[in-house]
């Protein structure tokens, strides 16, 4: 499931910049493969953070707020990746990418919750959480006080 499309990326950076940043052959038209590379790299980068807590890619069906937030941050990262093909990268593009990565890191650490009506599925990579096994404790602080 994709968070963004190449058309979203073109709209974010503008058609002229989109062509300039992807047209390595100098033919005056955008190279979809270069845009795909930036888009998929940005989605992979976002998923690498999100996977610390959630199963990725995150299902955005019926979650308009979550889709909008992820779309915005993934677009910031993808725009940075496109501009990185033709340095120097403008300062506002660098700042927006840094803000996106900071937000994703905060989601991964649990400091920020995703704006969803139902929590996204947890990551299977988290493994089994510790569980108690066996009979209940017989010797507790309370029972020891009476001895």
N, C-alpha and C. Protein backbone atom coordinates (compact mmCIF):
# COMPACT_ATOMS: atom_id res chain seq x y z
N UNK A 1 0.85 -1.17 0.00
CA UNK A 1 0.00 0.00 0.00
C UNK A 1 0.90 1.24 0.00
N UNK A 2 0.70 2.09 -0.95
CA UNK A 2 1.50 3.30 -1.08
C UNK A 2 0.87 4.44 -0.27
N UNK A 3 1.73 5.23 0.34
CA UNK A 3 1.26 6.40 1.08
C UNK A 3 1.09 7.60 0.14
N UNK A 4 1.92 7.65 -0.91
CA UNK A 4 1.89 8.75 -1.87
C UNK A 4 2.03 8.20 -3.28
N UNK A 5 1.74 9.06 -4.26
CA UNK A 5 1.92 8.71 -5.67
C UNK A 5 2.93 9.68 -6.28
N UNK A 6 3.37 9.35 -7.48
CA UNK A 6 4.26 10.27 -8.18
C UNK A 6 3.55 11.59 -8.48
N UNK A 7 2.24 11.53 -8.73
CA UNK A 7 1.47 12.76 -8.97
C UNK A 7 1.45 13.64 -7.72
N UNK A 8 1.36 13.02 -6.55
CA UNK A 8 1.42 13.78 -5.29
C UNK A 8 2.77 14.48 -5.18
N UNK A 9 3.82 13.74 -5.53
CA UNK A 9 5.17 14.28 -5.45
C UNK A 9 5.36 15.43 -6.44
N UNK A 10 4.82 15.27 -7.64
CA UNK A 10 4.90 16.34 -8.64
C UNK A 10 4.17 17.59 -8.15
N UNK A 11 3.01 17.39 -7.55
CA UNK A 11 2.25 18.53 -7.03
C UNK A 11 3.02 19.21 -5.89
N UNK A 12 3.70 18.44 -5.04
CA UNK A 12 4.43 19.00 -3.91
C UNK A 12 5.58 19.89 -4.36
N UNK A 13 6.37 19.40 -5.32
CA UNK A 13 7.56 20.17 -5.73
C UNK A 13 7.29 21.11 -6.89
N UNK A 14 6.18 20.92 -7.59
CA UNK A 14 5.87 21.73 -8.76
C UNK A 14 6.31 21.01 -10.03
N UNK A 15 5.56 21.18 -11.09
CA UNK A 15 5.81 20.44 -12.33
C UNK A 15 7.18 20.73 -12.91
N UNK A 16 7.56 21.99 -12.95
CA UNK A 16 8.86 22.35 -13.53
C UNK A 16 10.01 21.74 -12.73
N UNK A 17 9.96 21.85 -11.42
CA UNK A 17 11.02 21.27 -10.58
C UNK A 17 11.01 19.75 -10.68
N UNK A 18 9.83 19.16 -10.75
CA UNK A 18 9.70 17.71 -10.87
C UNK A 18 10.42 17.22 -12.12
N UNK A 19 10.21 17.91 -13.22
CA UNK A 19 10.89 17.54 -14.47
C UNK A 19 12.39 17.74 -14.34
N UNK A 20 12.81 18.90 -13.84
CA UNK A 20 14.24 19.17 -13.70
C UNK A 20 14.95 18.18 -12.80
N UNK A 21 14.28 17.76 -11.73
CA UNK A 21 14.91 16.87 -10.75
C UNK A 21 14.94 15.40 -11.19
N UNK A 22 14.13 15.04 -12.19
CA UNK A 22 14.09 13.65 -12.63
C UNK A 22 14.61 13.43 -14.05
N UNK A 23 14.78 14.49 -14.81
CA UNK A 23 15.16 14.37 -16.23
C UNK A 23 16.67 14.33 -16.38
N UNK A 24 17.26 13.15 -16.23
CA UNK A 24 18.71 13.00 -16.38
C UNK A 24 19.13 13.03 -17.85
N UNK A 25 18.23 12.67 -18.74
CA UNK A 25 18.55 12.62 -20.17
C UNK A 25 18.45 13.99 -20.83
N UNK A 26 17.84 14.97 -20.16
CA UNK A 26 17.72 16.30 -20.73
C UNK A 26 16.73 16.38 -21.87
N UNK A 27 15.70 15.56 -21.85
CA UNK A 27 14.72 15.56 -22.94
C UNK A 27 13.50 16.43 -22.64
N UNK A 28 13.45 16.99 -21.46
CA UNK A 28 12.36 17.90 -21.13
C UNK A 28 11.12 17.25 -20.57
N UNK A 29 11.22 15.98 -20.19
CA UNK A 29 10.07 15.33 -19.55
C UNK A 29 10.54 14.54 -18.34
N UNK A 30 9.63 14.34 -17.42
CA UNK A 30 9.96 13.66 -16.18
C UNK A 30 10.25 12.19 -16.42
N UNK A 31 11.17 11.65 -15.64
CA UNK A 31 11.50 10.24 -15.68
C UNK A 31 10.80 9.58 -14.49
N UNK A 32 9.76 8.81 -14.77
CA UNK A 32 8.97 8.18 -13.71
C UNK A 32 9.80 7.25 -12.85
N UNK A 33 10.81 6.62 -13.42
CA UNK A 33 11.65 5.70 -12.65
C UNK A 33 12.42 6.45 -11.55
N UNK A 34 12.86 7.66 -11.84
CA UNK A 34 13.58 8.46 -10.83
C UNK A 34 12.62 8.91 -9.74
N UNK A 35 11.41 9.26 -10.13
CA UNK A 35 10.39 9.65 -9.14
C UNK A 35 10.01 8.45 -8.28
N UNK A 36 9.87 7.28 -8.93
CA UNK A 36 9.57 6.05 -8.18
C UNK A 36 10.64 5.77 -7.14
N UNK A 37 11.88 5.96 -7.54
CA UNK A 37 13.00 5.72 -6.62
C UNK A 37 12.91 6.61 -5.38
N UNK A 38 12.64 7.88 -5.59
CA UNK A 38 12.51 8.81 -4.46
C UNK A 38 11.28 8.48 -3.62
N UNK A 39 10.18 8.17 -4.28
CA UNK A 39 8.92 7.86 -3.57
C UNK A 39 9.04 6.59 -2.76
N UNK A 40 9.53 5.54 -3.38
CA UNK A 40 9.65 4.26 -2.68
C UNK A 40 10.69 4.33 -1.56
N UNK A 41 11.76 5.08 -1.79
CA UNK A 41 12.75 5.27 -0.74
C UNK A 41 12.17 6.00 0.46
N UNK A 42 11.35 7.02 0.19
CA UNK A 42 10.72 7.78 1.27
C UNK A 42 9.73 6.91 2.04
N UNK A 43 8.95 6.12 1.32
CA UNK A 43 8.00 5.23 1.99
C UNK A 43 8.73 4.18 2.82
N UNK A 44 9.83 3.66 2.29
CA UNK A 44 10.63 2.69 3.03
C UNK A 44 11.25 3.29 4.27
N UNK A 45 11.70 4.53 4.15
CA UNK A 45 12.29 5.23 5.31
C UNK A 45 11.23 5.43 6.39
N UNK A 46 10.04 5.86 5.99
CA UNK A 46 8.96 6.05 6.95
C UNK A 46 8.59 4.71 7.60
N UNK A 47 8.49 3.66 6.79
CA UNK A 47 8.14 2.35 7.33
C UNK A 47 9.22 1.81 8.27
N UNK A 48 10.47 2.18 8.04
CA UNK A 48 11.53 1.70 8.93
C UNK A 48 11.34 2.25 10.34
N UNK A 49 10.81 3.44 10.47
CA UNK A 49 10.50 4.00 11.79
C UNK A 49 9.20 3.40 12.34
N UNK A 50 8.17 3.37 11.51
CA UNK A 50 6.86 2.90 11.95
C UNK A 50 6.88 1.43 12.35
N UNK A 51 7.76 0.64 11.74
CA UNK A 51 7.82 -0.79 12.02
C UNK A 51 8.26 -1.10 13.45
N UNK A 52 8.83 -0.11 14.13
CA UNK A 52 9.21 -0.33 15.52
C UNK A 52 7.98 -0.57 16.40
N UNK A 53 6.80 -0.12 15.95
CA UNK A 53 5.58 -0.26 16.75
C UNK A 53 4.42 -0.90 16.00
N UNK A 54 4.38 -0.72 14.68
CA UNK A 54 3.21 -1.12 13.92
C UNK A 54 3.58 -2.03 12.76
N UNK A 55 2.60 -2.82 12.33
CA UNK A 55 2.77 -3.62 11.12
C UNK A 55 2.74 -2.65 9.94
N UNK A 56 3.71 -2.76 9.07
CA UNK A 56 3.80 -1.85 7.93
C UNK A 56 3.62 -2.63 6.64
N UNK A 57 3.13 -2.01 5.58
CA UNK A 57 2.65 -0.63 5.55
C UNK A 57 1.35 -0.51 6.34
N UNK A 58 1.15 0.66 6.90
CA UNK A 58 -0.02 0.91 7.71
C UNK A 58 -1.24 1.03 6.80
N UNK A 59 -2.32 0.34 7.20
CA UNK A 59 -3.56 0.37 6.44
C UNK A 59 -4.25 1.71 6.71
N UNK A 60 -4.44 2.49 5.67
CA UNK A 60 -5.03 3.82 5.80
C UNK A 60 -6.51 3.86 5.45
N UNK A 61 -7.10 2.72 5.15
CA UNK A 61 -8.51 2.67 4.76
C UNK A 61 -9.39 3.20 5.88
N UNK A 62 -10.18 4.21 5.56
CA UNK A 62 -11.10 4.80 6.53
C UNK A 62 -10.44 5.69 7.56
N UNK A 63 -9.18 5.99 7.40
CA UNK A 63 -8.44 6.82 8.35
C UNK A 63 -7.92 8.08 7.66
N UNK A 64 -8.80 9.03 7.40
CA UNK A 64 -8.45 10.23 6.64
C UNK A 64 -7.37 11.05 7.33
N UNK A 65 -7.47 11.24 8.64
CA UNK A 65 -6.46 12.03 9.35
C UNK A 65 -5.10 11.36 9.30
N UNK A 66 -5.07 10.07 9.57
CA UNK A 66 -3.81 9.34 9.54
C UNK A 66 -3.21 9.37 8.14
N UNK A 67 -4.03 9.18 7.13
CA UNK A 67 -3.55 9.21 5.75
C UNK A 67 -2.95 10.57 5.42
N UNK A 68 -3.60 11.65 5.86
CA UNK A 68 -3.11 13.00 5.57
C UNK A 68 -1.77 13.27 6.25
N UNK A 69 -1.65 12.84 7.50
CA UNK A 69 -0.40 13.07 8.23
C UNK A 69 0.75 12.28 7.61
N UNK A 70 0.53 11.00 7.38
CA UNK A 70 1.60 10.18 6.78
C UNK A 70 1.95 10.68 5.38
N UNK A 71 0.93 11.04 4.61
CA UNK A 71 1.17 11.55 3.26
C UNK A 71 2.06 12.78 3.30
N UNK A 72 1.76 13.70 4.20
CA UNK A 72 2.53 14.94 4.29
C UNK A 72 3.99 14.67 4.65
N UNK A 73 4.21 13.84 5.66
CA UNK A 73 5.59 13.58 6.08
C UNK A 73 6.36 12.76 5.04
N UNK A 74 5.71 11.79 4.41
CA UNK A 74 6.38 11.00 3.38
C UNK A 74 6.70 11.88 2.17
N UNK A 75 5.81 12.80 1.84
CA UNK A 75 6.09 13.74 0.74
C UNK A 75 7.30 14.61 1.06
N UNK A 76 7.43 15.05 2.32
CA UNK A 76 8.59 15.85 2.71
C UNK A 76 9.89 15.08 2.50
N UNK A 77 9.88 13.81 2.87
CA UNK A 77 11.07 12.98 2.70
C UNK A 77 11.34 12.73 1.22
N UNK A 78 10.30 12.45 0.45
CA UNK A 78 10.47 12.20 -0.98
C UNK A 78 10.98 13.45 -1.71
N UNK A 79 10.47 14.62 -1.35
CA UNK A 79 10.93 15.87 -1.96
C UNK A 79 12.42 16.07 -1.67
N UNK A 80 12.83 15.75 -0.45
CA UNK A 80 14.24 15.85 -0.09
C UNK A 80 15.08 14.91 -0.96
N UNK A 81 14.59 13.69 -1.13
CA UNK A 81 15.31 12.72 -1.95
C UNK A 81 15.43 13.18 -3.40
N UNK A 82 14.36 13.76 -3.94
CA UNK A 82 14.42 14.29 -5.31
C UNK A 82 15.43 15.43 -5.41
N UNK A 83 15.35 16.38 -4.48
CA UNK A 83 16.28 17.52 -4.50
C UNK A 83 17.71 17.07 -4.27
N UNK A 84 17.89 15.99 -3.54
CA UNK A 84 19.23 15.46 -3.30
C UNK A 84 19.91 14.97 -4.56
N UNK A 85 19.15 14.74 -5.61
CA UNK A 85 19.71 14.35 -6.90
C UNK A 85 20.40 15.52 -7.60
N UNK A 86 20.04 16.74 -7.21
CA UNK A 86 20.60 17.96 -7.82
C UNK A 86 20.97 18.95 -6.71
N UNK A 87 22.04 18.67 -5.98
CA UNK A 87 22.41 19.58 -4.87
C UNK A 87 22.73 20.98 -5.37
N UNK A 88 22.65 21.98 -4.54
CA UNK A 88 22.36 21.90 -3.11
C UNK A 88 20.85 21.82 -2.86
N UNK A 89 20.51 21.16 -1.76
CA UNK A 89 19.11 21.02 -1.37
C UNK A 89 18.68 22.29 -0.65
N UNK A 90 17.58 22.92 -1.06
CA UNK A 90 17.13 24.15 -0.39
C UNK A 90 16.91 23.92 1.11
N UNK A 91 17.19 24.94 1.90
CA UNK A 91 17.12 24.84 3.37
C UNK A 91 15.73 24.45 3.87
N UNK A 92 14.67 24.96 3.23
CA UNK A 92 13.33 24.61 3.70
C UNK A 92 13.01 23.14 3.44
N UNK A 93 13.56 22.56 2.39
CA UNK A 93 13.37 21.14 2.09
C UNK A 93 14.11 20.30 3.14
N UNK A 94 15.31 20.72 3.50
CA UNK A 94 16.09 20.03 4.53
C UNK A 94 15.34 20.09 5.86
N UNK A 95 14.84 21.26 6.22
CA UNK A 95 14.13 21.43 7.49
C UNK A 95 12.89 20.57 7.56
N UNK A 96 12.13 20.52 6.48
CA UNK A 96 10.90 19.72 6.47
C UNK A 96 11.21 18.23 6.58
N UNK A 97 12.29 17.78 5.95
CA UNK A 97 12.68 16.38 6.09
C UNK A 97 13.08 16.08 7.53
N UNK A 98 13.85 16.97 8.13
CA UNK A 98 14.26 16.78 9.53
C UNK A 98 13.05 16.72 10.45
N UNK A 99 12.07 17.56 10.21
CA UNK A 99 10.85 17.54 11.01
C UNK A 99 10.09 16.22 10.82
N UNK A 100 10.06 15.73 9.60
CA UNK A 100 9.38 14.46 9.32
C UNK A 100 10.07 13.30 10.04
N UNK A 101 11.39 13.26 9.97
CA UNK A 101 12.15 12.19 10.62
C UNK A 101 12.01 12.28 12.14
N UNK A 102 12.01 13.48 12.67
CA UNK A 102 11.82 13.65 14.12
C UNK A 102 10.45 13.14 14.54
N UNK A 103 9.43 13.47 13.78
CA UNK A 103 8.08 12.99 14.10
C UNK A 103 8.01 11.47 14.03
N UNK A 104 8.58 10.89 12.97
CA UNK A 104 8.57 9.43 12.83
C UNK A 104 9.32 8.76 13.97
N UNK A 105 10.44 9.33 14.39
CA UNK A 105 11.19 8.77 15.52
C UNK A 105 10.37 8.84 16.80
N UNK A 106 9.63 9.91 16.97
CA UNK A 106 8.78 10.04 18.16
C UNK A 106 7.63 9.03 18.14
N UNK A 107 7.09 8.75 16.96
CA UNK A 107 6.07 7.70 16.85
C UNK A 107 6.69 6.36 17.22
N UNK A 108 7.88 6.09 16.68
CA UNK A 108 8.56 4.82 16.96
C UNK A 108 8.84 4.62 18.44
N UNK A 109 9.16 5.71 19.14
CA UNK A 109 9.47 5.59 20.57
C UNK A 109 8.23 5.62 21.45
N UNK A 110 7.07 5.90 20.88
CA UNK A 110 5.83 5.92 21.63
C UNK A 110 5.49 7.28 22.22
N UNK A 111 6.27 8.31 21.91
CA UNK A 111 5.99 9.64 22.42
C UNK A 111 4.84 10.32 21.68
N UNK A 112 4.59 9.87 20.46
CA UNK A 112 3.52 10.42 19.64
C UNK A 112 2.63 9.26 19.21
N UNK A 113 1.33 9.45 19.31
CA UNK A 113 0.37 8.43 18.87
C UNK A 113 -0.16 8.80 17.48
N UNK A 114 -0.35 7.80 16.66
CA UNK A 114 -0.91 8.05 15.34
C UNK A 114 -2.38 8.45 15.46
N UNK A 115 -2.80 9.45 14.68
CA UNK A 115 -4.20 9.91 14.76
C UNK A 115 -5.14 8.96 14.01
N UNK A 116 -5.51 7.89 14.67
CA UNK A 116 -6.39 6.90 14.05
C UNK A 116 -7.53 6.58 14.99
N UNK A 117 -8.69 6.26 14.42
CA UNK A 117 -9.84 5.92 15.25
C UNK A 117 -9.63 4.58 15.94
N UNK A 118 -8.88 3.69 15.33
CA UNK A 118 -8.50 2.42 15.94
C UNK A 118 -7.00 2.27 15.78
N UNK A 119 -6.35 1.80 16.80
CA UNK A 119 -4.88 1.67 16.75
C UNK A 119 -4.49 0.73 15.61
N UNK A 120 -3.50 1.12 14.82
CA UNK A 120 -3.02 0.22 13.76
C UNK A 120 -2.48 -1.08 14.37
N UNK A 121 -2.47 -2.12 13.56
CA UNK A 121 -1.95 -3.41 14.03
C UNK A 121 -0.52 -3.26 14.52
N UNK A 122 -0.21 -3.96 15.61
CA UNK A 122 1.15 -3.94 16.14
C UNK A 122 2.06 -4.74 15.23
N UNK A 123 3.33 -4.43 15.30
CA UNK A 123 4.32 -5.12 14.50
C UNK A 123 4.55 -6.52 15.04
N UNK A 124 4.54 -7.50 14.15
CA UNK A 124 4.85 -8.87 14.55
C UNK A 124 6.32 -9.00 14.91
N UNK A 125 7.13 -8.06 14.46
CA UNK A 125 8.55 -8.09 14.75
C UNK A 125 8.85 -7.80 16.21
N UNK A 126 7.87 -7.28 16.92
CA UNK A 126 8.08 -6.99 18.34
C UNK A 126 8.24 -8.26 19.15
N UNK A 127 7.77 -9.37 18.63
CA UNK A 127 7.91 -10.64 19.31
C UNK A 127 6.92 -10.81 20.43
N UNK A 128 7.15 -11.84 21.20
CA UNK A 128 6.26 -12.16 22.31
C UNK A 128 6.66 -11.31 23.51
N UNK A 129 5.68 -10.67 24.11
CA UNK A 129 5.94 -9.90 25.31
C UNK A 129 5.98 -10.84 26.49
N UNK A 130 6.68 -10.47 27.55
CA UNK A 130 6.81 -11.32 28.74
C UNK A 130 5.46 -11.62 29.37
N UNK A 131 5.26 -12.87 29.72
CA UNK A 131 4.03 -13.28 30.36
C UNK A 131 4.38 -14.15 31.55
N UNK A 132 3.61 -14.04 32.61
CA UNK A 132 3.81 -14.88 33.78
C UNK A 132 3.29 -16.28 33.49
N UNK A 133 3.98 -17.27 34.02
CA UNK A 133 3.56 -18.65 33.85
C UNK A 133 3.62 -19.35 35.21
N UNK A 134 2.83 -20.36 35.38
CA UNK A 134 2.86 -21.12 36.61
C UNK A 134 1.83 -20.64 37.61
N UNK A 135 1.84 -21.26 38.79
CA UNK A 135 0.85 -20.91 39.81
C UNK A 135 1.11 -19.52 40.40
N UNK A 136 0.10 -18.97 41.05
CA UNK A 136 0.23 -17.65 41.69
C UNK A 136 1.23 -17.73 42.84
N UNK A 137 1.87 -16.62 43.15
CA UNK A 137 2.85 -16.56 44.26
C UNK A 137 2.17 -16.87 45.57
N UNK A 138 2.85 -17.68 46.37
CA UNK A 138 2.35 -18.00 47.69
C UNK A 138 2.94 -17.07 48.74
N UNK A 139 4.22 -16.75 48.58
CA UNK A 139 4.88 -15.86 49.55
C UNK A 139 4.92 -14.46 48.97
N UNK A 140 4.18 -13.58 49.58
CA UNK A 140 4.14 -12.17 49.17
C UNK A 140 4.52 -11.33 50.35
N UNK A 141 4.68 -10.06 50.17
CA UNK A 141 5.00 -9.15 51.31
C UNK A 141 3.92 -9.25 52.39
N UNK A 142 2.68 -9.31 51.98
CA UNK A 142 1.59 -9.36 52.95
C UNK A 142 1.61 -10.65 53.75
N UNK A 143 1.83 -11.78 53.10
CA UNK A 143 1.85 -13.04 53.84
C UNK A 143 3.08 -13.17 54.70
N UNK A 144 4.18 -12.54 54.31
CA UNK A 144 5.42 -12.61 55.11
C UNK A 144 5.33 -11.77 56.37
N UNK A 145 4.51 -10.77 56.38
CA UNK A 145 4.40 -9.91 57.55
C UNK A 145 3.82 -10.65 58.75
N UNK A 146 3.03 -11.63 58.48
CA UNK A 146 2.37 -12.37 59.56
C UNK A 146 3.24 -13.49 60.12
N UNK A 147 4.39 -13.73 59.55
CA UNK A 147 5.27 -14.81 60.04
C UNK A 147 6.17 -14.39 61.15
